[in-house]
C-alpha atoms as a PDB file:
ATOM      1  CA  UNK A   1      53.583 -27.238  44.603  1.00  0.00           C
ATOM      2  CA  UNK A   2      52.172 -28.628  41.459  1.00  0.00           C
ATOM      3  CA  UNK A   3      55.016 -29.730  39.050  1.00  0.00           C
ATOM      4  CA  UNK A   4      54.855 -27.773  35.543  1.00  0.00           C
ATOM      5  CA  UNK A   5      57.226 -29.203  33.180  1.00  0.00           C
ATOM      6  CA  UNK A   6      56.791 -33.099  33.313  1.00  0.00           C
ATOM      7  CA  UNK A   7      60.087 -33.925  31.915  1.00  0.00           C
ATOM      8  CA  UNK A   8      61.351 -33.544  34.794  1.00  0.00           C
ATOM      9  CA  UNK A   9      59.752 -36.639  36.453  1.00  0.00           C
ATOM     10  CA  UNK A  10      62.391 -39.672  36.733  1.00  0.00           C
ATOM     11  CA  UNK A  11      61.920 -42.232  33.948  1.00  0.00           C
ATOM     12  CA  UNK A  12      62.543 -45.822  34.449  1.00  0.00           C
ATOM     13  CA  UNK A  13      65.323 -46.126  31.800  1.00  0.00           C
ATOM     14  CA  UNK A  14      67.511 -43.414  34.584  1.00  0.00           C
ATOM     15  CA  UNK A  15      66.073 -44.944  37.852  1.00  0.00           C
ATOM     16  CA  UNK A  16      68.220 -47.432  39.931  1.00  0.00           C
ATOM     17  CA  UNK A  17      67.952 -51.296  38.893  1.00  0.00           C
ATOM     18  CA  UNK A  18      66.789 -52.930  41.924  1.00  0.00           C
ATOM     19  CA  UNK A  19      66.763 -53.723  45.965  1.00  0.00           C
ATOM     20  CA  UNK A  20      66.750 -56.820  47.571  1.00  0.00           C
ATOM     21  CA  UNK A  21      65.602 -56.755  51.127  1.00  0.00           C
ATOM     22  CA  UNK A  22      65.416 -59.957  53.326  1.00  0.00           C
ATOM     23  CA  UNK A  23      64.647 -60.207  57.489  1.00  0.00           C
ATOM     24  CA  UNK A  24      63.570 -56.436  57.861  1.00  0.00           C
ATOM     25  CA  UNK A  25      60.653 -54.152  58.456  1.00  0.00           C
ATOM     26  CA  UNK A  26      60.315 -51.292  55.529  1.00  0.00           C
ATOM     27  CA  UNK A  27      58.165 -48.201  56.813  1.00  0.00           C
ATOM     28  CA  UNK A  28      57.122 -45.331  55.193  1.00  0.00           C
ATOM     29  CA  UNK A  29      59.754 -42.347  56.114  1.00  0.00           C
ATOM     30  CA  UNK A  30      58.685 -39.150  55.082  1.00  0.00           C
ATOM     31  CA  UNK A  31      57.961 -39.199  51.140  1.00  0.00           C
ATOM     32  CA  UNK A  32      59.858 -42.622  50.875  1.00  0.00           C
ATOM     33  CA  UNK A  33      60.429 -45.391  52.614  1.00  0.00           C
ATOM     34  CA  UNK A  34      63.054 -46.763  55.399  1.00  0.00           C
ATOM     35  CA  UNK A  35      64.534 -50.080  56.357  1.00  0.00           C
ATOM     36  CA  UNK A  36      64.872 -51.336  59.385  1.00  0.00           C
ATOM     37  CA  UNK A  37      67.013 -54.437  60.497  1.00  0.00           C
ATOM     38  CA  UNK A  38      69.686 -55.252  63.029  1.00  0.00           C
ATOM     39  CA  UNK A  39      71.980 -52.839  61.368  1.00  0.00           C
ATOM     40  CA  UNK A  40      69.409 -49.924  62.176  1.00  0.00           C
ATOM     41  CA  UNK A  41      67.578 -47.523  59.985  1.00  0.00           C
ATOM     42  CA  UNK A  42      68.173 -47.308  56.275  1.00  0.00           C
ATOM     43  CA  UNK A  43      65.873 -44.369  54.294  1.00  0.00           C
ATOM     44  CA  UNK A  44      65.408 -45.390  50.799  1.00  0.00           C
ATOM     45  CA  UNK A  45      64.590 -42.671  48.306  1.00  0.00           C
ATOM     46  CA  UNK A  46      62.113 -44.471  46.311  1.00  0.00           C
ATOM     47  CA  UNK A  47      61.205 -42.291  43.716  1.00  0.00           C
ATOM     48  CA  UNK A  48      64.388 -43.425  42.040  1.00  0.00           C
ATOM     49  CA  UNK A  49      63.872 -46.995  42.177  1.00  0.00           C
ATOM     50  CA  UNK A  50      62.510 -49.491  40.057  1.00  0.00           C
ATOM     51  CA  UNK A  51      61.835 -52.404  41.788  1.00  0.00           C
ATOM     52  CA  UNK A  52      62.062 -53.334  45.748  1.00  0.00           C
ATOM     53  CA  UNK A  53      62.193 -57.306  46.052  1.00  0.00           C
ATOM     54  CA  UNK A  54      60.802 -58.535  49.356  1.00  0.00           C
ATOM     55  CA  UNK A  55      62.713 -61.717  50.727  1.00  0.00           C
ATOM     56  CA  UNK A  56      61.903 -63.640  53.217  1.00  0.00           C
ATOM     57  CA  UNK A  57      61.334 -62.563  56.727  1.00  0.00           C
ATOM     58  CA  UNK A  58      60.269 -58.840  55.645  1.00  0.00           C
ATOM     59  CA  UNK A  59      57.522 -57.107  56.989  1.00  0.00           C
ATOM     60  CA  UNK A  60      55.945 -54.136  55.180  1.00  0.00           C
ATOM     61  CA  UNK A  61      53.518 -51.453  56.431  1.00  0.00           C
ATOM     62  CA  UNK A  62      50.214 -50.227  54.125  1.00  0.00           C
ATOM     63  CA  UNK A  63      52.156 -46.669  54.027  1.00  0.00           C
ATOM     64  CA  UNK A  64      55.372 -48.073  52.581  1.00  0.00           C
ATOM     65  CA  UNK A  65      53.309 -49.551  49.679  1.00  0.00           C
ATOM     66  CA  UNK A  66      51.221 -46.729  49.168  1.00  0.00           C
ATOM     67  CA  UNK A  67      54.301 -44.257  49.129  1.00  0.00           C
ATOM     68  CA  UNK A  68      56.008 -47.488  46.883  1.00  0.00           C
ATOM     69  CA  UNK A  69      53.142 -47.344  44.700  1.00  0.00           C
ATOM     70  CA  UNK A  70      52.621 -43.847  44.121  1.00  0.00           C
ATOM     71  CA  UNK A  71      56.270 -43.577  43.235  1.00  0.00           C
ATOM     72  CA  UNK A  72      56.052 -45.717  40.583  1.00  0.00           C
ATOM     73  CA  UNK A  73      58.020 -48.675  42.327  1.00  0.00           C
ATOM     74  CA  UNK A  74      57.342 -52.206  41.552  1.00  0.00           C
ATOM     75  CA  UNK A  75      57.050 -54.421  44.587  1.00  0.00           C
ATOM     76  CA  UNK A  76      57.653 -58.404  43.880  1.00  0.00           C
ATOM     77  CA  UNK A  77      57.867 -60.861  46.498  1.00  0.00           C
ATOM     78  CA  UNK A  78      60.657 -63.251  45.980  1.00  0.00           C
ATOM     79  CA  UNK A  79      62.266 -66.356  47.601  1.00  0.00           C
ATOM     80  CA  UNK A  80      65.673 -66.404  49.723  1.00  0.00           C
ATOM     81  CA  UNK A  81      68.565 -64.940  47.843  1.00  0.00           C
ATOM     82  CA  UNK A  82      65.977 -63.375  45.443  1.00  0.00           C
ATOM     83  CA  UNK A  83      66.055 -66.741  43.373  1.00  0.00           C
ATOM     84  CA  UNK A  84      62.384 -67.653  43.272  1.00  0.00           C
ATOM     85  CA  UNK A  85      59.826 -65.175  42.266  1.00  0.00           C
ATOM     86  CA  UNK A  86      56.137 -65.288  43.798  1.00  0.00           C
ATOM     87  CA  UNK A  87      54.112 -62.278  43.347  1.00  0.00           C
ATOM     88  CA  UNK A  88      54.525 -58.861  41.971  1.00  0.00           C
ATOM     89  CA  UNK A  89      52.412 -55.498  42.500  1.00  0.00           C
ATOM     90  CA  UNK A  90      51.133 -52.817  40.410  1.00  0.00           C
ATOM     91  CA  UNK A  91      54.061 -50.512  37.807  1.00  0.00           C
ATOM     92  CA  UNK A  92      53.164 -46.923  37.521  1.00  0.00           C
ATOM     93  CA  UNK A  93      52.295 -47.012  33.576  1.00  0.00           C
ATOM     94  CA  UNK A  94      48.355 -46.009  33.195  1.00  0.00           C
ATOM     95  CA  UNK A  95      48.397 -45.865  29.677  1.00  0.00           C
ATOM     96  CA  UNK A  96      47.069 -49.178  27.364  1.00  0.00           C
ATOM     97  CA  UNK A  97      48.908 -48.032  24.180  1.00  0.00           C
ATOM     98  CA  UNK A  98      51.700 -50.274  24.563  1.00  0.00           C
ATOM     99  CA  UNK A  99      50.077 -53.418  25.760  1.00  0.00           C
ATOM    100  CA  UNK A 100      47.742 -53.284  22.902  1.00  0.00           C
ATOM    101  CA  UNK A 101      50.251 -52.664  20.437  1.00  0.00           C
ATOM    102  CA  UNK A 102      52.293 -55.657  21.784  1.00  0.00           C
ATOM    103  CA  UNK A 103      48.626 -57.366  21.578  1.00  0.00           C
ATOM    104  CA  UNK A 104      48.248 -56.431  18.187  1.00  0.00           C
ATOM    105  CA  UNK A 105      51.884 -57.975  16.934  1.00  0.00           C
ATOM    106  CA  UNK A 106      51.488 -61.155  19.521  1.00  0.00           C
ATOM    107  CA  UNK A 107      48.522 -61.831  17.586  1.00  0.00           C
ATOM    108  CA  UNK A 108      49.454 -61.243  13.884  1.00  0.00           C
ATOM    109  CA  UNK A 109      51.514 -64.340  12.793  1.00  0.00           C
ATOM    110  CA  UNK A 110      53.379 -62.153  10.734  1.00  0.00           C
ATOM    111  CA  UNK A 111      54.031 -59.232  12.948  1.00  0.00           C
ATOM    112  CA  UNK A 112      54.920 -61.747  15.699  1.00  0.00           C
ATOM    113  CA  UNK A 113      57.734 -63.485  13.428  1.00  0.00           C
ATOM    114  CA  UNK A 114      59.225 -60.083  12.533  1.00  0.00           C
ATOM    115  CA  UNK A 115      59.390 -59.231  16.201  1.00  0.00           C
ATOM    116  CA  UNK A 116      61.172 -62.695  16.825  1.00  0.00           C
ATOM    117  CA  UNK A 117      63.234 -62.181  14.473  1.00  0.00           C
ATOM    118  CA  UNK A 118      64.285 -58.678  15.569  1.00  0.00           C
ATOM    119  CA  UNK A 119      65.050 -60.566  19.048  1.00  0.00           C
ATOM    120  CA  UNK A 120      67.670 -62.950  17.730  1.00  0.00           C
ATOM    121  CA  UNK A 121      69.211 -60.152  15.703  1.00  0.00           C
ATOM    122  CA  UNK A 122      69.931 -57.885  18.844  1.00  0.00           C
ATOM    123  CA  UNK A 123      71.789 -60.785  20.202  1.00  0.00           C
ATOM    124  CA  UNK A 124      74.168 -60.837  17.365  1.00  0.00           C
ATOM    125  CA  UNK A 125      76.677 -58.434  16.831  1.00  0.00           C
ATOM    126  CA  UNK A 126      76.445 -59.212  12.882  1.00  0.00           C
ATOM    127  CA  UNK A 127      73.743 -58.914  10.555  1.00  0.00           C
ATOM    128  CA  UNK A 128      71.451 -61.960  10.258  1.00  0.00           C
ATOM    129  CA  UNK A 129      71.200 -63.539   6.547  1.00  0.00           C
ATOM    130  CA  UNK A 130      67.492 -62.780   5.997  1.00  0.00           C
ATOM    131  CA  UNK A 131      67.032 -66.102   3.831  1.00  0.00           C
ATOM    132  CA  UNK A 132      67.805 -67.791   7.438  1.00  0.00           C
ATOM    133  CA  UNK A 133      64.641 -69.619   8.761  1.00  0.00           C
ATOM    134  CA  UNK A 134      63.558 -69.322  12.690  1.00  0.00           C
ATOM    135  CA  UNK A 135      64.743 -72.887  13.207  1.00  0.00           C
ATOM    136  CA  UNK A 136      68.254 -72.158  12.001  1.00  0.00           C
ATOM    137  CA  UNK A 137      68.420 -69.251  13.537  1.00  0.00           C
ATOM    138  CA  UNK A 138      67.583 -70.830  17.020  1.00  0.00           C
ATOM    139  CA  UNK A 139      70.364 -73.554  15.898  1.00  0.00           C
ATOM    140  CA  UNK A 140      73.007 -70.270  15.575  1.00  0.00           C
ATOM    141  CA  UNK A 141      71.892 -68.599  19.013  1.00  0.00           C
ATOM    142  CA  UNK A 142      72.233 -72.278  20.661  1.00  0.00           C
ATOM    143  CA  UNK A 143      75.867 -72.666  19.796  1.00  0.00           C
ATOM    144  CA  UNK A 144      76.483 -68.866  20.733  1.00  0.00           C
ATOM    145  CA  UNK A 145      75.235 -69.802  23.894  1.00  0.00           C
ATOM    146  CA  UNK A 146      77.230 -72.643  24.424  1.00  0.00           C
ATOM    147  CA  UNK A 147      80.731 -70.764  23.056  1.00  0.00           C
ATOM    148  CA  UNK A 148      79.725 -68.372  25.685  1.00  0.00           C
ATOM    149  CA  UNK A 149      79.618 -71.099  28.368  1.00  0.00           C
ATOM    150  CA  UNK A 150      83.010 -72.395  27.012  1.00  0.00           C
ATOM    151  CA  UNK A 151      84.828 -68.962  27.101  1.00  0.00           C
ATOM    152  CA  UNK A 152      83.894 -68.017  30.403  1.00  0.00           C
ATOM    153  CA  UNK A 153      84.741 -71.535  31.776  1.00  0.00           C
ATOM    154  CA  UNK A 154      87.830 -71.343  30.061  1.00  0.00           C
ATOM    155  CA  UNK A 155      88.554 -67.768  31.559  1.00  0.00           C
ATOM    156  CA  UNK A 156      87.869 -68.360  34.767  1.00  0.00           C
ATOM    157  CA  UNK A 157      88.684 -72.219  35.273  1.00  0.00           C
ATOM    158  CA  UNK A 158      85.224 -72.949  36.515  1.00  0.00           C
ATOM    159  CA  UNK A 159      84.413 -76.445  35.296  1.00  0.00           C
ATOM    160  CA  UNK A 160      81.226 -76.469  33.037  1.00  0.00           C
ATOM    161  CA  UNK A 161      79.456 -79.945  32.182  1.00  0.00           C
ATOM    162  CA  UNK A 162      76.326 -78.290  31.197  1.00  0.00           C
ATOM    163  CA  UNK A 163      73.208 -76.405  32.822  1.00  0.00           C
ATOM    164  CA  UNK A 164      71.428 -78.603  35.525  1.00  0.00           C
ATOM    165  CA  UNK A 165      69.601 -77.744  38.749  1.00  0.00           C
ATOM    166  CA  UNK A 166      66.974 -79.403  40.920  1.00  0.00           C
ATOM    167  CA  UNK A 167      64.375 -76.517  42.127  1.00  0.00           C
ATOM    168  CA  UNK A 168      63.767 -78.841  45.311  1.00  0.00           C
ATOM    169  CA  UNK A 169      66.932 -79.640  46.166  1.00  0.00           C
ATOM    170  CA  UNK A 170      68.844 -76.368  45.590  1.00  0.00           C
ATOM    171  CA  UNK A 171      71.477 -77.164  47.544  1.00  0.00           C
ATOM    172  CA  UNK A 172      73.189 -80.510  45.661  1.00  0.00           C
ATOM    173  CA  UNK A 173      73.249 -78.599  42.413  1.00  0.00           C
ATOM    174  CA  UNK A 174      76.430 -77.684  41.380  1.00  0.00           C
ATOM    175  CA  UNK A 175      77.747 -73.966  42.486  1.00  0.00           C
ATOM    176  CA  UNK A 176      78.134 -73.042  38.971  1.00  0.00           C
ATOM    177  CA  UNK A 177      74.585 -73.568  38.241  1.00  0.00           C
ATOM    178  CA  UNK A 178      73.161 -72.039  41.254  1.00  0.00           C
ATOM    179  CA  UNK A 179      75.079 -69.102  40.363  1.00  0.00           C
ATOM    180  CA  UNK A 180      73.625 -69.154  37.127  1.00  0.00           C
ATOM    181  CA  UNK A 181      70.041 -69.521  38.734  1.00  0.00           C
ATOM    182  CA  UNK A 182      70.736 -66.437  41.247  1.00  0.00           C
ATOM    183  CA  UNK A 183      71.863 -64.092  38.205  1.00  0.00           C
ATOM    184  CA  UNK A 184      68.958 -64.952  35.899  1.00  0.00           C
ATOM    185  CA  UNK A 185      66.775 -64.478  38.977  1.00  0.00           C
ATOM    186  CA  UNK A 186      68.095 -60.924  39.286  1.00  0.00           C
ATOM    187  CA  UNK A 187      68.035 -60.524  35.650  1.00  0.00           C
ATOM    188  CA  UNK A 188      64.128 -61.492  35.379  1.00  0.00           C
ATOM    189  CA  UNK A 189      63.435 -59.056  38.224  1.00  0.00           C
ATOM    190  CA  UNK A 190      65.106 -56.000  36.522  1.00  0.00           C
ATOM    191  CA  UNK A 191      63.378 -56.915  33.154  1.00  0.00           C
ATOM    192  CA  UNK A 192      60.094 -57.519  34.821  1.00  0.00           C
ATOM    193  CA  UNK A 193      60.042 -54.094  36.226  1.00  0.00           C
ATOM    194  CA  UNK A 194      61.151 -52.330  32.887  1.00  0.00           C
ATOM    195  CA  UNK A 195      58.384 -54.331  31.130  1.00  0.00           C
ATOM    196  CA  UNK A 196      55.621 -53.324  33.540  1.00  0.00           C
ATOM    197  CA  UNK A 197      57.140 -49.501  34.009  1.00  0.00           C
ATOM    198  CA  UNK A 198      57.084 -49.353  30.481  1.00  0.00           C
ATOM    199  CA  UNK A 199      53.334 -50.817  29.863  1.00  0.00           C
ATOM    200  CA  UNK A 200      54.000 -53.977  28.266  1.00  0.00           C
ATOM    201  CA  UNK A 201      52.333 -57.624  29.348  1.00  0.00           C
ATOM    202  CA  UNK A 202      54.892 -59.753  31.202  1.00  0.00           C
ATOM    203  CA  UNK A 203      52.716 -62.474  29.732  1.00  0.00           C
ATOM    204  CA  UNK A 204      52.459 -62.182  25.886  1.00  0.00           C
ATOM    205  CA  UNK A 205      55.878 -63.881  25.134  1.00  0.00           C
ATOM    206  CA  UNK A 206      56.730 -63.984  21.409  1.00  0.00           C
ATOM    207  CA  UNK A 207      59.767 -66.301  21.651  1.00  0.00           C
ATOM    208  CA  UNK A 208      58.505 -68.269  24.574  1.00  0.00           C
ATOM    209  CA  UNK A 209      55.149 -68.981  25.541  1.00  0.00           C
ATOM    210  CA  UNK A 210      52.373 -70.248  27.928  1.00  0.00           C
ATOM    211  CA  UNK A 211      53.820 -68.415  30.880  1.00  0.00           C
ATOM    212  CA  UNK A 212      53.040 -65.649  32.921  1.00  0.00           C
ATOM    213  CA  UNK A 213      56.318 -64.391  32.384  1.00  0.00           C
ATOM    214  CA  UNK A 214      57.202 -65.491  28.988  1.00  0.00           C
ATOM    215  CA  UNK A 215      57.720 -61.929  27.572  1.00  0.00           C
ATOM    216  CA  UNK A 216      60.253 -61.186  30.983  1.00  0.00           C
ATOM    217  CA  UNK A 217      62.018 -64.737  29.453  1.00  0.00           C
ATOM    218  CA  UNK A 218      62.302 -63.327  25.965  1.00  0.00           C
ATOM    219  CA  UNK A 219      64.052 -60.179  26.743  1.00  0.00           C
ATOM    220  CA  UNK A 220      66.373 -61.530  29.449  1.00  0.00           C
ATOM    221  CA  UNK A 221      67.712 -63.468  27.032  1.00  0.00           C
ATOM    222  CA  UNK A 222      69.122 -60.436  25.170  1.00  0.00           C
ATOM    223  CA  UNK A 223      71.232 -59.604  27.896  1.00  0.00           C
ATOM    224  CA  UNK A 224      72.314 -63.262  29.533  1.00  0.00           C
ATOM    225  CA  UNK A 225      75.485 -63.531  27.365  1.00  0.00           C
ATOM    226  CA  UNK A 226      77.036 -60.309  29.004  1.00  0.00           C
ATOM    227  CA  UNK A 227      75.566 -60.081  32.329  1.00  0.00           C
ATOM    228  CA  UNK A 228      74.410 -63.372  33.720  1.00  0.00           C
ATOM    229  CA  UNK A 229      76.429 -65.586  32.666  1.00  0.00           C
ATOM    230  CA  UNK A 230      80.332 -63.704  33.465  1.00  0.00           C
ATOM    231  CA  UNK A 231      78.529 -62.733  36.966  1.00  0.00           C
ATOM    232  CA  UNK A 232      77.874 -66.287  37.510  1.00  0.00           C
ATOM    233  CA  UNK A 233      81.246 -67.572  36.428  1.00  0.00           C
ATOM    234  CA  UNK A 234      83.480 -64.784  38.184  1.00  0.00           C
ATOM    235  CA  UNK A 235      81.473 -65.062  41.479  1.00  0.00           C
ATOM    236  CA  UNK A 236      81.826 -69.161  41.731  1.00  0.00           C
ATOM    237  CA  UNK A 237      85.702 -68.971  40.764  1.00  0.00           C
ATOM    238  CA  UNK A 238      86.290 -66.735  43.601  1.00  0.00           C
ATOM    239  CA  UNK A 239      84.443 -69.567  45.985  1.00  0.00           C
ATOM    240  CA  UNK A 240      81.236 -70.963  47.543  1.00  0.00           C
ATOM    241  CA  UNK A 241      81.222 -68.792  50.351  1.00  0.00           C
ATOM    242  CA  UNK A 242      78.096 -66.838  50.325  1.00  0.00           C
ATOM    243  CA  UNK A 243      77.953 -67.530  46.810  1.00  0.00           C
ATOM    244  CA  UNK A 244      74.522 -66.268  46.074  1.00  0.00           C
ATOM    245  CA  UNK A 245      75.062 -63.181  47.932  1.00  0.00           C
ATOM    246  CA  UNK A 246      77.814 -61.890  46.060  1.00  0.00           C
ATOM    247  CA  UNK A 247      76.155 -62.787  42.881  1.00  0.00           C
ATOM    248  CA  UNK A 248      73.351 -60.340  43.526  1.00  0.00           C
ATOM    249  CA  UNK A 249      75.678 -58.100  44.566  1.00  0.00           C
ATOM    250  CA  UNK A 250      77.727 -58.055  41.490  1.00  0.00           C
ATOM    251  CA  UNK A 251      74.614 -58.698  39.430  1.00  0.00           C
ATOM    252  CA  UNK A 252      73.202 -55.027  41.050  1.00  0.00           C
ATOM    253  CA  UNK A 253      76.883 -53.467  40.162  1.00  0.00           C
ATOM    254  CA  UNK A 254      77.272 -55.239  36.807  1.00  0.00           C
ATOM    255  CA  UNK A 255      73.242 -53.805  36.066  1.00  0.00           C
ATOM    256  CA  UNK A 256      74.166 -50.387  37.130  1.00  0.00           C
ATOM    257  CA  UNK A 257      77.303 -49.727  35.420  1.00  0.00           C
ATOM    258  CA  UNK A 258      75.621 -50.768  32.053  1.00  0.00           C
ATOM    259  CA  UNK A 259      72.769 -48.931  32.008  1.00  0.00           C
ATOM    260  CA  UNK A 260      70.597 -51.776  31.549  1.00  0.00           C
ATOM    261  CA  UNK A 261      67.211 -50.108  33.068  1.00  0.00           C
ATOM    262  CA  UNK A 262      67.678 -47.760  29.842  1.00  0.00           C
ATOM    263  CA  UNK A 263      68.956 -50.303  27.081  1.00  0.00           C
ATOM    264  CA  UNK A 264      65.754 -52.568  27.884  1.00  0.00           C
ATOM    265  CA  UNK A 265      63.659 -49.634  27.469  1.00  0.00           C
ATOM    266  CA  UNK A 266      65.162 -48.372  23.936  1.00  0.00           C
ATOM    267  CA  UNK A 267      65.165 -52.260  22.957  1.00  0.00           C
ATOM    268  CA  UNK A 268      61.451 -52.618  23.766  1.00  0.00           C
ATOM    269  CA  UNK A 269      60.734 -49.636  21.561  1.00  0.00           C
ATOM    270  CA  UNK A 270      63.021 -51.584  19.045  1.00  0.00           C
ATOM    271  CA  UNK A 271      61.098 -54.346  19.021  1.00  0.00           C
ATOM    272  CA  UNK A 272      57.970 -53.084  18.473  1.00  0.00           C
ATOM    273  CA  UNK A 273      59.227 -50.348  16.260  1.00  0.00           C
ATOM    274  CA  UNK A 274      56.895 -49.426  13.174  1.00  0.00           C
ATOM    275  CA  UNK A 275      60.139 -48.045  10.665  1.00  0.00           C
ATOM    276  CA  UNK A 276      59.679 -51.079   7.550  1.00  0.00           C
ATOM    277  CA  UNK A 277      56.325 -51.881   8.017  1.00  0.00           C
ATOM    278  CA  UNK A 278      54.218 -51.870   4.733  1.00  0.00           C
ATOM    279  CA  UNK A 279      51.010 -50.037   4.723  1.00  0.00           C
ATOM    280  CA  UNK A 280      48.661 -52.613   5.856  1.00  0.00           C
ATOM    281  CA  UNK A 281      50.917 -53.170   9.194  1.00  0.00           C
ATOM    282  CA  UNK A 282      50.886 -49.632   9.858  1.00  0.00           C
ATOM    283  CA  UNK A 283      47.016 -49.783   9.679  1.00  0.00           C
ATOM    284  CA  UNK A 284      46.682 -52.068  11.638  1.00  0.00           C
ATOM    285  CA  UNK A 285      49.213 -50.222  14.332  1.00  0.00           C
ATOM    286  CA  UNK A 286      46.580 -47.109  14.011  1.00  0.00           C
ATOM    287  CA  UNK A 287      43.754 -49.433  14.810  1.00  0.00           C
ATOM    288  CA  UNK A 288      44.987 -50.648  17.801  1.00  0.00           C
ATOM    289  CA  UNK A 289      46.582 -47.352  19.164  1.00  0.00           C
ATOM    290  CA  UNK A 290      45.531 -46.333  22.053  1.00  0.00           C
ATOM    291  CA  UNK A 291      43.578 -43.419  23.058  1.00  0.00           C
ATOM    292  CA  UNK A 292      43.038 -43.529  27.121  1.00  0.00           C
ATOM    293  CA  UNK A 293      39.270 -43.039  27.368  1.00  0.00           C
ATOM    294  CA  UNK A 294      38.013 -44.831  24.191  1.00  0.00           C
ATOM    295  CA  UNK A 295      35.182 -47.115  24.016  1.00  0.00           C
ATOM    296  CA  UNK A 296      34.974 -50.374  22.379  1.00  0.00           C
ATOM    297  CA  UNK A 297      32.175 -50.761  19.774  1.00  0.00           C
ATOM    298  CA  UNK A 298      30.936 -54.060  18.023  1.00  0.00           C
ATOM    299  CA  UNK A 299      30.573 -51.843  14.669  1.00  0.00           C
ATOM    300  CA  UNK A 300      32.892 -49.240  14.362  1.00  0.00           C
ATOM    301  CA  UNK A 301      36.028 -50.630  16.565  1.00  0.00           C
ATOM    302  CA  UNK A 302      36.258 -47.617  18.565  1.00  0.00           C
ATOM    303  CA  UNK A 303      34.192 -44.604  19.741  1.00  0.00           C
ATOM    304  CA  UNK A 304      35.085 -41.396  21.628  1.00  0.00           C
ATOM    305  CA  UNK A 305      34.938 -41.672  25.010  1.00  0.00           C
ATOM    306  CA  UNK A 306      33.695 -39.103  28.196  1.00  0.00           C
ATOM    307  CA  UNK A 307      30.516 -38.399  25.876  1.00  0.00           C
ATOM    308  CA  UNK A 308      27.064 -39.485  27.453  1.00  0.00           C
ATOM    309  CA  UNK A 309      25.042 -41.237  24.886  1.00  0.00           C
ATOM    310  CA  UNK A 310      22.023 -41.370  26.595  1.00  0.00           C
ATOM    311  CA  UNK A 311      20.300 -38.772  24.165  1.00  0.00           C
ATOM    312  CA  UNK A 312      20.513 -41.084  21.375  1.00  0.00           C
ATOM    313  CA  UNK A 313      19.095 -43.880  23.675  1.00  0.00           C
ATOM    314  CA  UNK A 314      16.276 -41.365  24.195  1.00  0.00           C
ATOM    315  CA  UNK A 315      15.719 -40.355  20.618  1.00  0.00           C
ATOM    316  CA  UNK A 316      15.689 -44.221  19.942  1.00  0.00           C
ATOM    317  CA  UNK A 317      13.101 -45.253  22.252  1.00  0.00           C
ATOM    318  CA  UNK A 318      10.899 -42.600  21.321  1.00  0.00           C
ATOM    319  CA  UNK A 319      10.919 -43.200  17.540  1.00  0.00           C
END
């Protein structure tokens, strides 16, 4: 039966955050998927799931991938304990409107600076002095992060001597640094899923640049102080046994309790909002706003799509 009211479709802001699976087989099950492991079969209603992270030892069928794609669930291939990120599938957004708006603001120096300032403003509870330069704001942000680490070190009793780790020698890193990496990885996965689901590019970063996940790092930094850092210190204070696994589970619970997916979508809308833009900037938005089906033209910018232009060509040829 066709859906008459599209408002009843699940939105990414209302979805479950993510699910990490390893050493299991994933198959299609009715209109959803099911996970088969040593514990048996676990059905997963993937229509409300934002991100499925596939860890080592995971096998997934073609039908399961097709079902996940049809339900708008992003699939990511990750390393052990969801710490490393290897590859990602495709989200459900089919409109390029948000991507083109992001690209327009990214390519205009004044608008890019405005987005950068908005990103920093979201991290501070107080209003930032409009006279502060970006360099001064970066310094203020550095102080905020340092004080956050110190605060959680005092509250949990976990010794903190700095952020140090080696990707090629994971086990030799201090437990708190391993926990922070695991928590950040979970946060990156959820933020990545939200960015793709909302139709933005994970590569077009405004503060970070040069990486395929630059924008993921930009957005994830908005939430590290209230999610990743507290989770990492609390789990480390409880001991090293199954540290990364406990970090992953507490991250999942915290992300769900704080309804992070909804906040990410709202913050993305706030970052690229056009309120307060002057006439020139508003025109820039209008020029780049996507109308799916339009055709790019070197002289006119964009012409209507879905039209057969063969008639004009034939008249020109006969002229």
